Amino acid sequence: MATGHTDTVGTDSDNVALSKRRAGAVRTELSHDGVSGKLISTSGVGENDLAVPTAQNVNEPRNRRVEITVQAPGM
């Protein structure tokens, strides 16, 4: 699972869309590296679940990320 995140700059809807694109870009790169795209789910949560809590419209690079969660087979 690749979950995209953003900082608090921009609107909620723009940030959700951006976070989805960010997760999709990671999926594409992993596929280019040989991981089957069928095995990678993506989601975008926008500015929810900030790594570094900030006020609205704060440019915080550490919040712009994709978290990858690996699940063992059969789980």
PDB file of N, CA and C in Angstrom:
ATOM      1  N   MET A   1       0.852  -1.169   0.000  1.00  0.00           N
ATOM      2  CA  MET A   1       0.000   0.000   0.000  1.00  0.00           C
ATOM      3  C   MET A   1       0.892   1.225   0.000  1.00  0.00           C
ATOM      4  N   ALA A   2       0.643   2.121  -0.952  1.00  0.00           N
ATOM      5  CA  ALA A   2       1.342   3.406  -1.009  1.00  0.00           C
ATOM      6  C   ALA A   2       0.324   4.484  -0.684  1.00  0.00           C
ATOM      7  N   THR A   3       0.564   5.226   0.393  1.00  0.00           N
ATOM      8  CA  THR A   3      -0.355   6.270   0.840  1.00  0.00           C
ATOM      9  C   THR A   3       0.316   7.625   0.705  1.00  0.00           C
ATOM     10  N   GLY A   4      -0.274   8.483  -0.124  1.00  0.00           N
ATOM     11  CA  GLY A   4       0.271   9.812  -0.358  1.00  0.00           C
ATOM     12  C   GLY A   4      -0.226  10.809   0.670  1.00  0.00           C
ATOM     13  N   HIS A   5       0.652  11.761   0.987  1.00  0.00           N
ATOM     14  CA  HIS A   5       0.357  12.822   1.957  1.00  0.00           C
ATOM     15  C   HIS A   5       0.808  14.165   1.384  1.00  0.00           C
ATOM     16  N   THR A   6       0.244  15.259   1.913  1.00  0.00           N
ATOM     17  CA  THR A   6       0.661  16.601   1.536  1.00  0.00           C
ATOM     18  C   THR A   6       0.863  17.447   2.785  1.00  0.00           C
ATOM     19  N   ASP A   7       1.395  18.662   2.569  1.00  0.00           N
ATOM     20  CA  ASP A   7       1.426  19.631   3.662  1.00  0.00           C
ATOM     21  C   ASP A   7       0.085  20.365   3.671  1.00  0.00           C
ATOM     22  N   THR A   8      -0.032  21.443   4.413  1.00  0.00           N
ATOM     23  CA  THR A   8      -1.316  22.133   4.572  1.00  0.00           C
ATOM     24  C   THR A   8      -1.494  23.299   3.608  1.00  0.00           C
ATOM     25  N   VAL A   9      -0.589  23.455   2.653  1.00  0.00           N
ATOM     26  CA  VAL A   9      -0.722  24.516   1.658  1.00  0.00           C
ATOM     27  C   VAL A   9      -1.724  24.067   0.592  1.00  0.00           C
ATOM     28  N   GLY A  10      -2.709  24.898   0.295  1.00  0.00           N
ATOM     29  CA  GLY A  10      -3.703  24.566  -0.725  1.00  0.00           C
ATOM     30  C   GLY A  10      -5.023  24.141  -0.119  1.00  0.00           C
ATOM     31  N   THR A  11      -5.986  23.890  -1.000  1.00  0.00           N
ATOM     32  CA  THR A  11      -7.311  23.487  -0.543  1.00  0.00           C
ATOM     33  C   THR A  11      -7.323  21.997  -0.208  1.00  0.00           C
ATOM     34  N   ASP A  12      -8.300  21.597   0.567  1.00  0.00           N
ATOM     35  CA  ASP A  12      -8.438  20.181   0.919  1.00  0.00           C
ATOM     36  C   ASP A  12      -8.572  19.312  -0.330  1.00  0.00           C
ATOM     37  N   SER A  13      -9.428  19.727  -1.266  1.00  0.00           N
ATOM     38  CA  SER A  13      -9.648  18.900  -2.454  1.00  0.00           C
ATOM     39  C   SER A  13      -8.397  18.836  -3.330  1.00  0.00           C
ATOM     40  N   ASP A  14      -7.675  19.938  -3.460  1.00  0.00           N
ATOM     41  CA  ASP A  14      -6.423  19.919  -4.221  1.00  0.00           C
ATOM     42  C   ASP A  14      -5.394  19.008  -3.559  1.00  0.00           C
ATOM     43  N   ASN A  15      -5.336  19.041  -2.239  1.00  0.00           N
ATOM     44  CA  ASN A  15      -4.356  18.224  -1.522  1.00  0.00           C
ATOM     45  C   ASN A  15      -4.682  16.734  -1.612  1.00  0.00           C
ATOM     46  N   VAL A  16      -5.951  16.392  -1.588  1.00  0.00           N
ATOM     47  CA  VAL A  16      -6.318  14.974  -1.754  1.00  0.00           C
ATOM     48  C   VAL A  16      -5.920  14.513  -3.149  1.00  0.00           C
ATOM     49  N   ALA A  17      -6.219  15.322  -4.162  1.00  0.00           N
ATOM     50  CA  ALA A  17      -5.850  14.954  -5.531  1.00  0.00           C
ATOM     51  C   ALA A  17      -4.332  14.838  -5.669  1.00  0.00           C
ATOM     52  N   LEU A  18      -3.590  15.776  -5.104  1.00  0.00           N
ATOM     53  CA  LEU A  18      -2.132  15.746  -5.162  1.00  0.00           C
ATOM     54  C   LEU A  18      -1.588  14.505  -4.465  1.00  0.00           C
ATOM     55  N   SER A  19      -2.129  14.183  -3.302  1.00  0.00           N
ATOM     56  CA  SER A  19      -1.631  13.017  -2.565  1.00  0.00           C
ATOM     57  C   SER A  19      -1.900  11.722  -3.330  1.00  0.00           C
ATOM     58  N   LYS A  20      -3.019  11.653  -4.049  1.00  0.00           N
ATOM     59  CA  LYS A  20      -3.303  10.477  -4.878  1.00  0.00           C
ATOM     60  C   LYS A  20      -2.319  10.377  -6.038  1.00  0.00           C
ATOM     61  N   ARG A  21      -2.016  11.515  -6.664  1.00  0.00           N
ATOM     62  CA  ARG A  21      -1.023  11.511  -7.751  1.00  0.00           C
ATOM     63  C   ARG A  21       0.354  11.121  -7.234  1.00  0.00           C
ATOM     64  N   ARG A  22       0.686  11.601  -6.058  1.00  0.00           N
ATOM     65  CA  ARG A  22       1.988  11.279  -5.455  1.00  0.00           C
ATOM     66  C   ARG A  22       2.104   9.775  -5.220  1.00  0.00           C
ATOM     67  N   ALA A  23       1.067   9.167  -4.665  1.00  0.00           N
ATOM     68  CA  ALA A  23       1.081   7.716  -4.426  1.00  0.00           C
ATOM     69  C   ALA A  23       1.139   6.957  -5.752  1.00  0.00           C
ATOM     70  N   GLY A  24       0.421   7.454  -6.757  1.00  0.00           N
ATOM     71  CA  GLY A  24       0.452   6.817  -8.071  1.00  0.00           C
ATOM     72  C   GLY A  24       1.829   6.874  -8.710  1.00  0.00           C
ATOM     73  N   ALA A  25       2.538   7.976  -8.501  1.00  0.00           N
ATOM     74  CA  ALA A  25       3.895   8.103  -9.049  1.00  0.00           C
ATOM     75  C   ALA A  25       4.836   7.086  -8.408  1.00  0.00           C
ATOM     76  N   VAL A  26       4.678   6.856  -7.122  1.00  0.00           N
ATOM     77  CA  VAL A  26       5.503   5.845  -6.442  1.00  0.00           C
ATOM     78  C   VAL A  26       5.161   4.460  -6.975  1.00  0.00           C
ATOM     79  N   ARG A  27       3.877   4.193  -7.170  1.00  0.00           N
ATOM     80  CA  ARG A  27       3.467   2.906  -7.740  1.00  0.00           C
ATOM     81  C   ARG A  27       4.114   2.702  -9.111  1.00  0.00           C
ATOM     82  N   THR A  28       4.109   3.718  -9.934  1.00  0.00           N
ATOM     83  CA  THR A  28       4.715   3.640 -11.264  1.00  0.00           C
ATOM     84  C   THR A  28       6.202   3.330 -11.165  1.00  0.00           C
ATOM     85  N   GLU A  29       6.902   4.007 -10.290  1.00  0.00           N
ATOM     86  CA  GLU A  29       8.342   3.776 -10.138  1.00  0.00           C
ATOM     87  C   GLU A  29       8.633   2.364  -9.621  1.00  0.00           C
ATOM     88  N   LEU A  30       7.836   1.899  -8.666  1.00  0.00           N
ATOM     89  CA  LEU A  30       8.027   0.532  -8.170  1.00  0.00           C
ATOM     90  C   LEU A  30       7.768  -0.476  -9.290  1.00  0.00           C
ATOM     91  N   SER A  31       6.781  -0.206 -10.130  1.00  0.00           N
ATOM     92  CA  SER A  31       6.497  -1.091 -11.263  1.00  0.00           C
ATOM     93  C   SER A  31       7.670  -1.115 -12.231  1.00  0.00           C
ATOM     94  N   HIS A  32       8.268   0.049 -12.478  1.00  0.00           N
ATOM     95  CA  HIS A  32       9.449   0.113 -13.349  1.00  0.00           C
ATOM     96  C   HIS A  32      10.619  -0.670 -12.765  1.00  0.00           C
ATOM     97  N   ASP A  33      10.627  -0.797 -11.437  1.00  0.00           N
ATOM     98  CA  ASP A  33      11.690  -1.546 -10.766  1.00  0.00           C
ATOM     99  C   ASP A  33      11.375  -3.030 -10.635  1.00  0.00           C
ATOM    100  N   GLY A  34      10.248  -3.467 -11.214  1.00  0.00           N
ATOM    101  CA  GLY A  34       9.955  -4.890 -11.247  1.00  0.00           C
ATOM    102  C   GLY A  34       8.866  -5.370 -10.304  1.00  0.00           C
ATOM    103  N   VAL A  35       8.298  -4.499  -9.491  1.00  0.00           N
ATOM    104  CA  VAL A  35       7.207  -4.899  -8.602  1.00  0.00           C
ATOM    105  C   VAL A  35       5.912  -4.860  -9.412  1.00  0.00           C
ATOM    106  N   SER A  36       5.138  -5.912  -9.383  1.00  0.00           N
ATOM    107  CA  SER A  36       3.888  -5.960 -10.131  1.00  0.00           C
ATOM    108  C   SER A  36       2.933  -4.875  -9.638  1.00  0.00           C
ATOM    109  N   GLY A  37       2.453  -4.066 -10.576  1.00  0.00           N
ATOM    110  CA  GLY A  37       1.505  -3.018 -10.221  1.00  0.00           C
ATOM    111  C   GLY A  37       0.228  -3.559  -9.611  1.00  0.00           C
ATOM    112  N   LYS A  38      -0.110  -4.816  -9.939  1.00  0.00           N
ATOM    113  CA  LYS A  38      -1.307  -5.448  -9.378  1.00  0.00           C
ATOM    114  C   LYS A  38      -1.191  -5.636  -7.866  1.00  0.00           C
ATOM    115  N   LEU A  39       0.041  -5.651  -7.366  1.00  0.00           N
ATOM    116  CA  LEU A  39       0.268  -5.876  -5.937  1.00  0.00           C
ATOM    117  C   LEU A  39       0.309  -4.588  -5.126  1.00  0.00           C
ATOM    118  N   ILE A  40       0.224  -3.439  -5.798  1.00  0.00           N
ATOM    119  CA  ILE A  40       0.381  -2.161  -5.109  1.00  0.00           C
ATOM    120  C   ILE A  40      -0.937  -1.402  -5.121  1.00  0.00           C
ATOM    121  N   SER A  41      -1.530  -1.225  -3.963  1.00  0.00           N
ATOM    122  CA  SER A  41      -2.714  -0.386  -3.811  1.00  0.00           C
ATOM    123  C   SER A  41      -2.246   1.029  -3.493  1.00  0.00           C
ATOM    124  N   THR A  42      -3.018   2.013  -3.912  1.00  0.00           N
ATOM    125  CA  THR A  42      -2.665   3.397  -3.607  1.00  0.00           C
ATOM    126  C   THR A  42      -3.846   4.115  -2.985  1.00  0.00           C
ATOM    127  N   SER A  43      -3.526   5.127  -2.194  1.00  0.00           N
ATOM    128  CA  SER A  43      -4.546   6.013  -1.643  1.00  0.00           C
ATOM    129  C   SER A  43      -3.901   7.357  -1.372  1.00  0.00           C
ATOM    130  N   GLY A  44      -4.739   8.357  -1.250  1.00  0.00           N
ATOM    131  CA  GLY A  44      -4.264   9.692  -0.909  1.00  0.00           C
ATOM    132  C   GLY A  44      -5.098  10.257   0.216  1.00  0.00           C
ATOM    133  N   VAL A  45      -4.433  10.794   1.225  1.00  0.00           N
ATOM    134  CA  VAL A  45      -5.144  11.318   2.390  1.00  0.00           C
ATOM    135  C   VAL A  45      -4.988  12.827   2.540  1.00  0.00           C
ATOM    136  N   GLY A  46      -4.376  13.467   1.533  1.00  0.00           N
ATOM    137  CA  GLY A  46      -4.226  14.916   1.594  1.00  0.00           C
ATOM    138  C   GLY A  46      -3.420  15.351   2.797  1.00  0.00           C
ATOM    139  N   GLU A  47      -3.951  16.349   3.499  1.00  0.00           N
ATOM    140  CA  GLU A  47      -3.236  16.889   4.656  1.00  0.00           C
ATOM    141  C   GLU A  47      -3.655  16.245   5.983  1.00  0.00           C
ATOM    142  N   ASN A  48      -4.393  15.150   5.902  1.00  0.00           N
ATOM    143  CA  ASN A  48      -4.715  14.393   7.117  1.00  0.00           C
ATOM    144  C   ASN A  48      -3.501  13.588   7.539  1.00  0.00           C
ATOM    145  N   ASP A  49      -3.329  13.345   8.809  1.00  0.00           N
ATOM    146  CA  ASP A  49      -2.228  12.524   9.325  1.00  0.00           C
ATOM    147  C   ASP A  49      -0.864  13.140   9.020  1.00  0.00           C
ATOM    148  N   LEU A  50      -0.686  14.396   9.418  1.00  0.00           N
ATOM    149  CA  LEU A  50       0.579  15.099   9.201  1.00  0.00           C
ATOM    150  C   LEU A  50       1.705  14.454  10.001  1.00  0.00           C
ATOM    151  N   ALA A  51       2.881  14.350   9.399  1.00  0.00           N
ATOM    152  CA  ALA A  51       4.058  13.852  10.113  1.00  0.00           C
ATOM    153  C   ALA A  51       4.534  14.902  11.100  1.00  0.00           C
ATOM    154  N   VAL A  52       4.428  16.180  10.697  1.00  0.00           N
ATOM    155  CA  VAL A  52       4.813  17.311  11.530  1.00  0.00           C
ATOM    156  C   VAL A  52       3.594  18.226  11.630  1.00  0.00           C
ATOM    157  N   PRO A  53       2.928  18.250  12.778  1.00  0.00           N
ATOM    158  CA  PRO A  53       1.738  19.098  12.908  1.00  0.00           C
ATOM    159  C   PRO A  53       2.074  20.572  12.654  1.00  0.00           C
ATOM    160  N   THR A  54       1.272  21.214  11.797  1.00  0.00           N
ATOM    161  CA  THR A  54       1.449  22.630  11.483  1.00  0.00           C
ATOM    162  C   THR A  54       0.089  23.296  11.375  1.00  0.00           C
ATOM    163  N   ALA A  55       0.123  24.619  11.334  1.00  0.00           N
ATOM    164  CA  ALA A  55      -1.089  25.380  11.067  1.00  0.00           C
ATOM    165  C   ALA A  55      -1.399  25.294   9.575  1.00  0.00           C
ATOM    166  N   GLN A  56      -2.553  25.807   9.186  1.00  0.00           N
ATOM    167  CA  GLN A  56      -2.943  25.813   7.778  1.00  0.00           C
ATOM    168  C   GLN A  56      -1.992  26.695   6.966  1.00  0.00           C
ATOM    169  N   ASN A  57      -1.729  26.293   5.726  1.00  0.00           N
ATOM    170  CA  ASN A  57      -0.889  27.029   4.772  1.00  0.00           C
ATOM    171  C   ASN A  57       0.572  27.137   5.179  1.00  0.00           C
ATOM    172  N   VAL A  58       1.067  26.140   5.907  1.00  0.00           N
ATOM    173  CA  VAL A  58       2.483  26.094   6.271  1.00  0.00           C
ATOM    174  C   VAL A  58       3.196  25.120   5.342  1.00  0.00           C
ATOM    175  N   ASN A  59       4.234  25.600   4.694  1.00  0.00           N
ATOM    176  CA  ASN A  59       5.034  24.799   3.767  1.00  0.00           C
ATOM    177  C   ASN A  59       5.993  23.944   4.586  1.00  0.00           C
ATOM    178  N   GLU A  60       5.652  22.672   4.780  1.00  0.00           N
ATOM    179  CA  GLU A  60       6.473  21.751   5.579  1.00  0.00           C
ATOM    180  C   GLU A  60       6.832  20.539   4.731  1.00  0.00           C
ATOM    181  N   PRO A  61       8.068  20.497   4.206  1.00  0.00           N
ATOM    182  CA  PRO A  61       8.476  19.404   3.316  1.00  0.00           C
ATOM    183  C   PRO A  61       8.322  18.006   3.912  1.00  0.00           C
ATOM    184  N   ARG A  62       8.476  17.856   5.205  1.00  0.00           N
ATOM    185  CA  ARG A  62       8.379  16.520   5.810  1.00  0.00           C
ATOM    186  C   ARG A  62       6.966  15.957   5.760  1.00  0.00           C
ATOM    187  N   ASN A  63       5.981  16.811   5.520  1.00  0.00           N
ATOM    188  CA  ASN A  63       4.604  16.326   5.383  1.00  0.00           C
ATOM    189  C   ASN A  63       4.288  15.873   3.965  1.00  0.00           C
ATOM    190  N   ARG A  64       5.111  16.243   3.001  1.00  0.00           N
ATOM    191  CA  ARG A  64       4.911  15.842   1.602  1.00  0.00           C
ATOM    192  C   ARG A  64       5.661  14.530   1.384  1.00  0.00           C
ATOM    193  N   ARG A  65       4.918  13.435   1.449  1.00  0.00           N
ATOM    194  CA  ARG A  65       5.578  12.123   1.442  1.00  0.00           C
ATOM    195  C   ARG A  65       4.618  11.047   0.958  1.00  0.00           C
ATOM    196  N   VAL A  66       5.179   9.865   0.716  1.00  0.00           N
ATOM    197  CA  VAL A  66       4.394   8.654   0.484  1.00  0.00           C
ATOM    198  C   VAL A  66       4.888   7.617   1.474  1.00  0.00           C
ATOM    199  N   GLU A  67       3.974   7.041   2.213  1.00  0.00           N
ATOM    200  CA  GLU A  67       4.301   5.971   3.150  1.00  0.00           C
ATOM    201  C   GLU A  67       3.971   4.647   2.466  1.00  0.00           C
ATOM    202  N   ILE A  68       4.901   3.711   2.557  1.00  0.00           N
ATOM    203  CA  ILE A  68       4.702   2.392   1.961  1.00  0.00           C
ATOM    204  C   ILE A  68       4.535   1.385   3.080  1.00  0.00           C
ATOM    205  N   THR A  69       3.451   0.638   3.027  1.00  0.00           N
ATOM    206  CA  THR A  69       3.171  -0.415   3.998  1.00  0.00           C
ATOM    207  C   THR A  69       3.198  -1.742   3.258  1.00  0.00           C
ATOM    208  N   VAL A  70       3.991  -2.678   3.759  1.00  0.00           N
ATOM    209  CA  VAL A  70       4.107  -3.989   3.133  1.00  0.00           C
ATOM    210  C   VAL A  70       3.374  -4.988   4.005  1.00  0.00           C
ATOM    211  N   GLN A  71       2.512  -5.756   3.384  1.00  0.00           N
ATOM    212  CA  GLN A  71       1.752  -6.776   4.099  1.00  0.00           C
ATOM    213  C   GLN A  71       2.276  -8.150   3.675  1.00  0.00           C
ATOM    214  N   ALA A  72       2.492  -9.003   4.651  1.00  0.00           N
ATOM    215  CA  ALA A  72       2.970 -10.355   4.357  1.00  0.00           C
ATOM    216  C   ALA A  72       1.892 -11.136   3.605  1.00  0.00           C
ATOM    217  N   PRO A  73       2.284 -12.033   2.721  1.00  0.00           N
ATOM    218  CA  PRO A  73       1.300 -12.835   1.980  1.00  0.00           C
ATOM    219  C   PRO A  73       0.359 -13.574   2.922  1.00  0.00           C
ATOM    220  N   GLY A  74      -0.909 -13.608   2.531  1.00  0.00           N
ATOM    221  CA  GLY A  74      -1.896 -14.350   3.309  1.00  0.00           C
ATOM    222  C   GLY A  74      -2.449 -13.584   4.498  1.00  0.00           C
ATOM    223  N   MET A  75      -2.081 -12.352   4.665  1.00  0.00           N
ATOM    224  CA  MET A  75      -2.575 -11.587   5.799  1.00  0.00           C
ATOM    225  C   MET A  75      -3.609 -10.580   5.366  1.00  0.00           C
TER     226      MET A  75
END
